[in-house]
Structure formats: C-alpha cells, structure tokens
All heavy atoms as atom14 arrays in JSON, in Angstrom:
{
  "sequence": "SLSRLSPGDYPDFRDDMNFAQIAESTTKTLDYLN",
  "atom14_mask": [
    [1, 1, 1, 1, 1, 1, 0, 0, 0, 0, 0, 0, 0, 0],
    [1, 1, 1, 1, 1, 1, 1, 1, 0, 0, 0, 0, 0, 0],
    [1, 1, 1, 1, 1, 1, 0, 0, 0, 0, 0, 0, 0, 0],
    [1, 1, 1, 1, 1, 1, 1, 1, 1, 1, 1, 0, 0, 0],
    [1, 1, 1, 1, 1, 1, 1, 1, 0, 0, 0, 0, 0, 0],
    [1, 1, 1, 1, 1, 1, 0, 0, 0, 0, 0, 0, 0, 0],
    [1, 1, 1, 1, 1, 1, 1, 0, 0, 0, 0, 0, 0, 0],
    [1, 1, 1, 1, 0, 0, 0, 0, 0, 0, 0, 0, 0, 0],
    [1, 1, 1, 1, 1, 1, 1, 1, 0, 0, 0, 0, 0, 0],
    [1, 1, 1, 1, 1, 1, 1, 1, 1, 1, 1, 1, 0, 0],
    [1, 1, 1, 1, 1, 1, 1, 0, 0, 0, 0, 0, 0, 0],
    [1, 1, 1, 1, 1, 1, 1, 1, 0, 0, 0, 0, 0, 0],
    [1, 1, 1, 1, 1, 1, 1, 1, 1, 1, 1, 0, 0, 0],
    [1, 1, 1, 1, 1, 1, 1, 1, 1, 1, 1, 0, 0, 0],
    [1, 1, 1, 1, 1, 1, 1, 1, 0, 0, 0, 0, 0, 0],
    [1, 1, 1, 1, 1, 1, 1, 1, 0, 0, 0, 0, 0, 0],
    [1, 1, 1, 1, 1, 1, 1, 1, 0, 0, 0, 0, 0, 0],
    [1, 1, 1, 1, 1, 1, 1, 1, 0, 0, 0, 0, 0, 0],
    [1, 1, 1, 1, 1, 1, 1, 1, 1, 1, 1, 0, 0, 0],
    [1, 1, 1, 1, 1, 0, 0, 0, 0, 0, 0, 0, 0, 0],
    [1, 1, 1, 1, 1, 1, 1, 1, 1, 0, 0, 0, 0, 0],
    [1, 1, 1, 1, 1, 1, 1, 1, 0, 0, 0, 0, 0, 0],
    [1, 1, 1, 1, 1, 0, 0, 0, 0, 0, 0, 0, 0, 0],
    [1, 1, 1, 1, 1, 1, 1, 1, 1, 0, 0, 0, 0, 0],
    [1, 1, 1, 1, 1, 1, 0, 0, 0, 0, 0, 0, 0, 0],
    [1, 1, 1, 1, 1, 1, 1, 0, 0, 0, 0, 0, 0, 0],
    [1, 1, 1, 1, 1, 1, 1, 0, 0, 0, 0, 0, 0, 0],
    [1, 1, 1, 1, 1, 1, 1, 1, 1, 0, 0, 0, 0, 0],
    [1, 1, 1, 1, 1, 1, 1, 0, 0, 0, 0, 0, 0, 0],
    [1, 1, 1, 1, 1, 1, 1, 1, 0, 0, 0, 0, 0, 0],
    [1, 1, 1, 1, 1, 1, 1, 1, 0, 0, 0, 0, 0, 0],
    [1, 1, 1, 1, 1, 1, 1, 1, 1, 1, 1, 1, 0, 0],
    [1, 1, 1, 1, 1, 1, 1, 1, 0, 0, 0, 0, 0, 0],
    [1, 1, 1, 1, 1, 1, 1, 1, 0, 0, 0, 0, 0, 0]
  ],
  "atom14_positions": [
    [[-266.02, 63.44, -80.91], [-267.32, 63.41, -81.59], [-268.48, 63.79, -80.68], [-269.54, 64.19, -81.15], [-267.57, 62.02, -82.17], [-267.62, 61.05, -81.13], [0.0, 0.0, 0.0], [0.0, 0.0, 0.0], [0.0, 0.0, 0.0], [0.0, 0.0, 0.0], [0.0, 0.0, 0.0], [0.0, 0.0, 0.0], [0.0, 0.0, 0.0], [0.0, 0.0, 0.0]],
    [[-268.27, 63.64, -79.36], [-269.33, 63.97, -78.4], [-268.79, 64.89, -77.32], [-267.67, 64.7, -76.83], [-269.86, 62.69, -77.73], [-270.64, 61.7, -78.62], [-270.89, 60.41, -77.87], [-271.95, 62.31, -79.08], [0.0, 0.0, 0.0], [0.0, 0.0, 0.0], [0.0, 0.0, 0.0], [0.0, 0.0, 0.0], [0.0, 0.0, 0.0], [0.0, 0.0, 0.0]],
    [[-269.58, 65.89, -76.96], [-269.19, 66.79, -75.88], [-270.22, 66.71, -74.76], [-271.43, 66.63, -75.0], [-269.09, 68.23, -76.39], [-270.32, 68.66, -76.95], [0.0, 0.0, 0.0], [0.0, 0.0, 0.0], [0.0, 0.0, 0.0], [0.0, 0.0, 0.0], [0.0, 0.0, 0.0], [0.0, 0.0, 0.0], [0.0, 0.0, 0.0], [0.0, 0.0, 0.0]],
    [[-269.72, 66.73, -73.54], [-270.59, 66.6, -72.37], [-271.29, 67.93, -72.09], [-270.65, 68.98, -72.04], [-269.74, 66.17, -71.18], [-270.5, 65.86, -69.91], [-269.56, 65.21, -68.9], [-270.2, 64.97, -67.64], [-269.69, 64.24, -66.66], [-268.5, 63.68, -66.84], [-270.34, 64.06, -65.53], [0.0, 0.0, 0.0], [0.0, 0.0, 0.0], [0.0, 0.0, 0.0]],
    [[-272.61, 67.88, -71.89], [-273.39, 69.09, -71.64], [-273.63, 69.3, -70.15], [-273.73, 68.35, -69.37], [-274.76, 68.99, -72.34], [-274.76, 68.86, -73.87], [-276.2, 68.77, -74.37], [-274.04, 70.03, -74.53], [0.0, 0.0, 0.0], [0.0, 0.0, 0.0], [0.0, 0.0, 0.0], [0.0, 0.0, 0.0], [0.0, 0.0, 0.0], [0.0, 0.0, 0.0]],
    [[-273.76, 70.55, -69.76], [-274.21, 70.86, -68.4], [-275.73, 70.72, -68.4], [-276.38, 70.91, -69.45], [-273.81, 72.28, -68.02], [-274.45, 73.22, -68.87], [0.0, 0.0, 0.0], [0.0, 0.0, 0.0], [0.0, 0.0, 0.0], [0.0, 0.0, 0.0], [0.0, 0.0, 0.0], [0.0, 0.0, 0.0], [0.0, 0.0, 0.0], [0.0, 0.0, 0.0]],
    [[-276.34, 70.39, -67.27], [-277.8, 70.2, -67.22], [-278.59, 71.38, -67.78], [-279.66, 71.19, -68.37], [-278.08, 69.98, -65.74], [-276.82, 69.36, -65.22], [-275.71, 70.04, -65.97], [0.0, 0.0, 0.0], [0.0, 0.0, 0.0], [0.0, 0.0, 0.0], [0.0, 0.0, 0.0], [0.0, 0.0, 0.0], [0.0, 0.0, 0.0], [0.0, 0.0, 0.0]],
    [[-278.06, 72.58, -67.64], [-278.76, 73.75, -68.15], [-278.82, 73.8, -69.67], [-279.63, 74.54, -70.24], [0.0, 0.0, 0.0], [0.0, 0.0, 0.0], [0.0, 0.0, 0.0], [0.0, 0.0, 0.0], [0.0, 0.0, 0.0], [0.0, 0.0, 0.0], [0.0, 0.0, 0.0], [0.0, 0.0, 0.0], [0.0, 0.0, 0.0], [0.0, 0.0, 0.0]],
    [[-277.96, 73.0, -70.33], [-277.93, 72.98, -71.79], [-278.61, 71.74, -72.38], [-278.56, 71.53, -73.6], [-276.48, 73.04, -72.28], [-275.82, 74.37, -71.97], [-276.53, 75.39, -72.0], [-274.6, 74.38, -71.68], [0.0, 0.0, 0.0], [0.0, 0.0, 0.0], [0.0, 0.0, 0.0], [0.0, 0.0, 0.0], [0.0, 0.0, 0.0], [0.0, 0.0, 0.0]],
    [[-279.24, 70.94, -71.53], [-279.92, 69.75, -72.04], [-281.05, 70.17, -72.98], [-281.71, 71.19, -72.78], [-280.52, 68.94, -70.89], [-279.52, 68.11, -70.1], [-278.15, 68.26, -70.27], [-279.95, 67.18, -69.16], [-277.24, 67.51, -69.54], [-279.06, 66.43, -68.41], [-277.71, 66.59, -68.6], [-276.81, 65.85, -67.87], [0.0, 0.0, 0.0], [0.0, 0.0, 0.0]],
    [[-281.31, 69.37, -74.02], [-282.44, 69.69, -74.91], [-283.77, 69.38, -74.24], [-283.81, 68.8, -73.14], [-282.2, 68.74, -76.09], [-281.53, 67.56, -75.47], [-280.61, 68.14, -74.42], [0.0, 0.0, 0.0], [0.0, 0.0, 0.0], [0.0, 0.0, 0.0], [0.0, 0.0, 0.0], [0.0, 0.0, 0.0], [0.0, 0.0, 0.0], [0.0, 0.0, 0.0]],
    [[-284.84, 69.73, -74.87], [-286.18, 69.42, -74.38], [-286.51, 67.99, -74.82], [-286.67, 67.72, -76.0], [-287.19, 70.4, -74.97], [-288.61, 70.16, -74.46], [-288.76, 69.49, -73.43], [-289.56, 70.64, -75.12], [0.0, 0.0, 0.0], [0.0, 0.0, 0.0], [0.0, 0.0, 0.0], [0.0, 0.0, 0.0], [0.0, 0.0, 0.0], [0.0, 0.0, 0.0]],
    [[-286.57, 67.07, -73.87], [-286.78, 65.66, -74.19], [-288.27, 65.38, -74.37], [-289.0, 65.14, -73.42], [-286.17, 64.77, -73.1], [-284.67, 64.81, -73.08], [-284.0, 65.59, -72.14], [-283.93, 64.1, -74.0], [-282.61, 65.65, -72.12], [-282.54, 64.15, -73.99], [-281.88, 64.93, -73.05], [0.0, 0.0, 0.0], [0.0, 0.0, 0.0], [0.0, 0.0, 0.0]],
    [[-288.68, 65.43, -75.62], [-290.09, 65.18, -75.97], [-290.12, 64.09, -77.04], [-289.43, 64.19, -78.06], [-290.72, 66.46, -76.49], [-292.23, 66.39, -76.69], [-292.74, 67.68, -77.3], [-292.52, 68.82, -76.43], [-293.36, 69.23, -75.48], [-294.49, 68.57, -75.29], [-293.08, 70.28, -74.75], [0.0, 0.0, 0.0], [0.0, 0.0, 0.0], [0.0, 0.0, 0.0]],
    [[-290.91, 63.04, -76.83], [-290.95, 61.91, -77.74], [-292.25, 61.92, -78.54], [-293.33, 61.79, -77.99], [-290.83, 60.6, -76.95], [-290.52, 59.41, -77.83], [-291.36, 59.1, -78.7], [-289.46, 58.78, -77.66], [0.0, 0.0, 0.0], [0.0, 0.0, 0.0], [0.0, 0.0, 0.0], [0.0, 0.0, 0.0], [0.0, 0.0, 0.0], [0.0, 0.0, 0.0]],
    [[-292.13, 62.07, -79.87], [-293.32, 62.21, -80.7], [-294.09, 60.9, -80.86], [-295.23, 60.89, -81.32], [-292.94, 62.76, -82.08], [-292.21, 61.74, -82.94], [-291.25, 61.12, -82.43], [-292.59, 61.56, -84.11], [0.0, 0.0, 0.0], [0.0, 0.0, 0.0], [0.0, 0.0, 0.0], [0.0, 0.0, 0.0], [0.0, 0.0, 0.0], [0.0, 0.0, 0.0]],
    [[-293.47, 59.77, -80.5], [-294.16, 58.48, -80.6], [-294.76, 58.03, -79.27], [-295.33, 56.93, -79.18], [-293.19, 57.4, -81.11], [-292.78, 57.56, -82.56], [-291.63, 56.27, -83.13], [-292.64, 54.79, -83.09], [0.0, 0.0, 0.0], [0.0, 0.0, 0.0], [0.0, 0.0, 0.0], [0.0, 0.0, 0.0], [0.0, 0.0, 0.0], [0.0, 0.0, 0.0]],
    [[-294.64, 58.87, -78.26], [-295.17, 58.53, -76.93], [-294.71, 57.14, -76.46], [-295.48, 56.36, -75.9], [-296.71, 58.6, -76.93], [-297.2, 60.02, -77.14], [-296.64, 60.97, -76.6], [-298.23, 60.18, -77.96], [0.0, 0.0, 0.0], [0.0, 0.0, 0.0], [0.0, 0.0, 0.0], [0.0, 0.0, 0.0], [0.0, 0.0, 0.0], [0.0, 0.0, 0.0]],
    [[-293.44, 56.86, -76.74], [-292.75, 55.66, -76.28], [-293.22, 54.37, -76.96], [-292.85, 53.28, -76.53], [-292.83, 55.52, -74.76], [-292.39, 56.76, -74.04], [-293.29, 57.51, -73.31], [-291.09, 57.21, -74.13], [-292.89, 58.68, -72.67], [-290.68, 58.37, -73.49], [-291.58, 59.11, -72.76], [0.0, 0.0, 0.0], [0.0, 0.0, 0.0], [0.0, 0.0, 0.0]],
    [[-294.03, 54.47, -78.01], [-294.4, 53.27, -78.76], [-293.15, 52.62, -79.34], [-292.29, 53.3, -79.88], [-295.38, 53.63, -79.88], [0.0, 0.0, 0.0], [0.0, 0.0, 0.0], [0.0, 0.0, 0.0], [0.0, 0.0, 0.0], [0.0, 0.0, 0.0], [0.0, 0.0, 0.0], [0.0, 0.0, 0.0], [0.0, 0.0, 0.0], [0.0, 0.0, 0.0]],
    [[-293.05, 51.31, -79.21], [-291.97, 50.48, -79.74], [-290.62, 50.7, -79.07], [-289.63, 50.06, -79.44], [-291.82, 50.67, -81.26], [-293.02, 50.2, -82.07], [-292.82, 50.37, -83.56], [-292.68, 51.47, -84.05], [-292.81, 49.26, -84.28], [0.0, 0.0, 0.0], [0.0, 0.0, 0.0], [0.0, 0.0, 0.0], [0.0, 0.0, 0.0], [0.0, 0.0, 0.0]],
    [[-290.55, 51.57, -78.06], [-289.27, 51.79, -77.4], [-288.87, 50.55, -76.59], [-287.69, 50.23, -76.47], [-289.29, 53.05, -76.51], [-287.87, 53.43, -76.08], [-290.19, 52.88, -75.31], [-286.97, 53.89, -77.19], [0.0, 0.0, 0.0], [0.0, 0.0, 0.0], [0.0, 0.0, 0.0], [0.0, 0.0, 0.0], [0.0, 0.0, 0.0], [0.0, 0.0, 0.0]],
    [[-289.86, 49.83, -76.05], [-289.55, 48.62, -75.27], [-288.91, 47.56, -76.15], [-287.96, 46.88, -75.75], [-290.82, 48.08, -74.62], [0.0, 0.0, 0.0], [0.0, 0.0, 0.0], [0.0, 0.0, 0.0], [0.0, 0.0, 0.0], [0.0, 0.0, 0.0], [0.0, 0.0, 0.0], [0.0, 0.0, 0.0], [0.0, 0.0, 0.0], [0.0, 0.0, 0.0]],
    [[-289.4, 47.43, -77.38], [-288.85, 46.45, -78.32], [-287.4, 46.77, -78.64], [-286.53, 45.89, -78.61], [-289.68, 46.44, -79.6], [-289.17, 45.5, -80.66], [-289.97, 45.58, -81.96], [-291.06, 46.19, -81.95], [-289.5, 45.05, -82.98], [0.0, 0.0, 0.0], [0.0, 0.0, 0.0], [0.0, 0.0, 0.0], [0.0, 0.0, 0.0], [0.0, 0.0, 0.0]],
    [[-287.11, 48.03, -78.95], [-285.75, 48.43, -79.29], [-284.83, 48.31, -78.08], [-283.67, 47.92, -78.21], [-285.75, 49.88, -79.81], [-284.5, 50.21, -80.33], [0.0, 0.0, 0.0], [0.0, 0.0, 0.0], [0.0, 0.0, 0.0], [0.0, 0.0, 0.0], [0.0, 0.0, 0.0], [0.0, 0.0, 0.0], [0.0, 0.0, 0.0], [0.0, 0.0, 0.0]],
    [[-285.35, 48.63, -76.91], [-284.57, 48.5, -75.67], [-284.18, 47.04, -75.42], [-283.02, 46.74, -75.07], [-285.36, 49.04, -74.48], [-285.66, 50.42, -74.68], [-284.56, 48.9, -73.18], [0.0, 0.0, 0.0], [0.0, 0.0, 0.0], [0.0, 0.0, 0.0], [0.0, 0.0, 0.0], [0.0, 0.0, 0.0], [0.0, 0.0, 0.0], [0.0, 0.0, 0.0]],
    [[-285.12, 46.14, -75.61], [-284.86, 44.72, -75.41], [-283.76, 44.23, -76.34], [-282.87, 43.47, -75.92], [-286.14, 43.9, -75.65], [-287.13, 44.29, -74.69], [-285.87, 42.41, -75.51], [0.0, 0.0, 0.0], [0.0, 0.0, 0.0], [0.0, 0.0, 0.0], [0.0, 0.0, 0.0], [0.0, 0.0, 0.0], [0.0, 0.0, 0.0], [0.0, 0.0, 0.0]],
    [[-283.78, 44.67, -77.58], [-282.77, 44.25, -78.54], [-281.39, 44.78, -78.16], [-280.38, 44.09, -78.32], [-283.14, 44.71, -79.94], [-284.44, 44.11, -80.47], [-284.4, 42.59, -80.45], [-285.69, 41.99, -80.97], [-285.69, 40.49, -80.85], [0.0, 0.0, 0.0], [0.0, 0.0, 0.0], [0.0, 0.0, 0.0], [0.0, 0.0, 0.0], [0.0, 0.0, 0.0]],
    [[-281.35, 46.02, -77.66], [-280.08, 46.58, -77.22], [-279.52, 45.78, -76.04], [-278.32, 45.48, -75.97], [-280.25, 48.06, -76.84], [-280.52, 48.81, -78.02], [-279.0, 48.61, -76.18], [0.0, 0.0, 0.0], [0.0, 0.0, 0.0], [0.0, 0.0, 0.0], [0.0, 0.0, 0.0], [0.0, 0.0, 0.0], [0.0, 0.0, 0.0], [0.0, 0.0, 0.0]],
    [[-280.39, 45.42, -75.1], [-279.95, 44.63, -73.95], [-279.5, 43.23, -74.39], [-278.57, 42.67, -73.79], [-281.07, 44.53, -72.92], [-281.3, 45.8, -72.1], [-282.54, 45.66, -71.22], [-280.08, 46.12, -71.22], [0.0, 0.0, 0.0], [0.0, 0.0, 0.0], [0.0, 0.0, 0.0], [0.0, 0.0, 0.0], [0.0, 0.0, 0.0], [0.0, 0.0, 0.0]],
    [[-280.14, 42.68, -75.4], [-279.71, 41.38, -75.92], [-278.24, 41.45, -76.34], [-277.46, 40.52, -76.08], [-280.56, 40.97, -77.13], [-281.96, 40.52, -76.73], [-282.19, 40.28, -75.53], [-282.82, 40.44, -77.63], [0.0, 0.0, 0.0], [0.0, 0.0, 0.0], [0.0, 0.0, 0.0], [0.0, 0.0, 0.0], [0.0, 0.0, 0.0], [0.0, 0.0, 0.0]],
    [[-277.88, 42.54, -77.0], [-276.49, 42.72, -77.42], [-275.58, 42.95, -76.22], [-274.53, 42.29, -76.09], [-276.39, 43.9, -78.38], [-274.98, 44.37, -78.62], [-274.1, 43.64, -79.42], [-274.5, 45.54, -78.03], [-272.79, 44.05, -79.63], [-273.2, 45.97, -78.24], [-272.35, 45.23, -79.03], [-271.05, 45.64, -79.22], [0.0, 0.0, 0.0], [0.0, 0.0, 0.0]],
    [[-275.94, 43.88, -75.34], [-275.08, 44.23, -74.21], [-274.88, 43.06, -73.25], [-273.82, 42.94, -72.62], [-275.65, 45.42, -73.46], [-275.62, 46.76, -74.21], [-276.38, 47.83, -73.43], [-274.18, 47.21, -74.46], [0.0, 0.0, 0.0], [0.0, 0.0, 0.0], [0.0, 0.0, 0.0], [0.0, 0.0, 0.0], [0.0, 0.0, 0.0], [0.0, 0.0, 0.0]],
    [[-275.87, 42.18, -73.16], [-275.76, 41.04, -72.26], [-274.85, 39.95, -72.8], [-274.42, 39.06, -72.07], [-277.14, 40.45, -71.97], [-277.97, 41.33, -71.05], [-277.43, 42.07, -70.25], [-279.29, 41.26, -71.19], [0.0, 0.0, 0.0], [0.0, 0.0, 0.0], [0.0, 0.0, 0.0], [0.0, 0.0, 0.0], [0.0, 0.0, 0.0], [0.0, 0.0, 0.0]]
  ]
}
C-alpha cells in the first residue's frame, strides 16, 4: 500500500493551515503511542 520515495521525488510540503491545531492532534497521537 505504501512505496518508499527517493528524496528527489518528495512532494512540496506546504501546510495551508500554517500548523494551526497540529499540536493538539500530535498530542493525541502521542497519547495513543505512549
């Protein structure tokens, strides 16, 4: 389902929300992983 990319094929990492609410979602993911 997933294929590993070479760095030259990476997409353009641009976030349209300017990282708003990413900290909240990150915290919830860590809650699960921990």
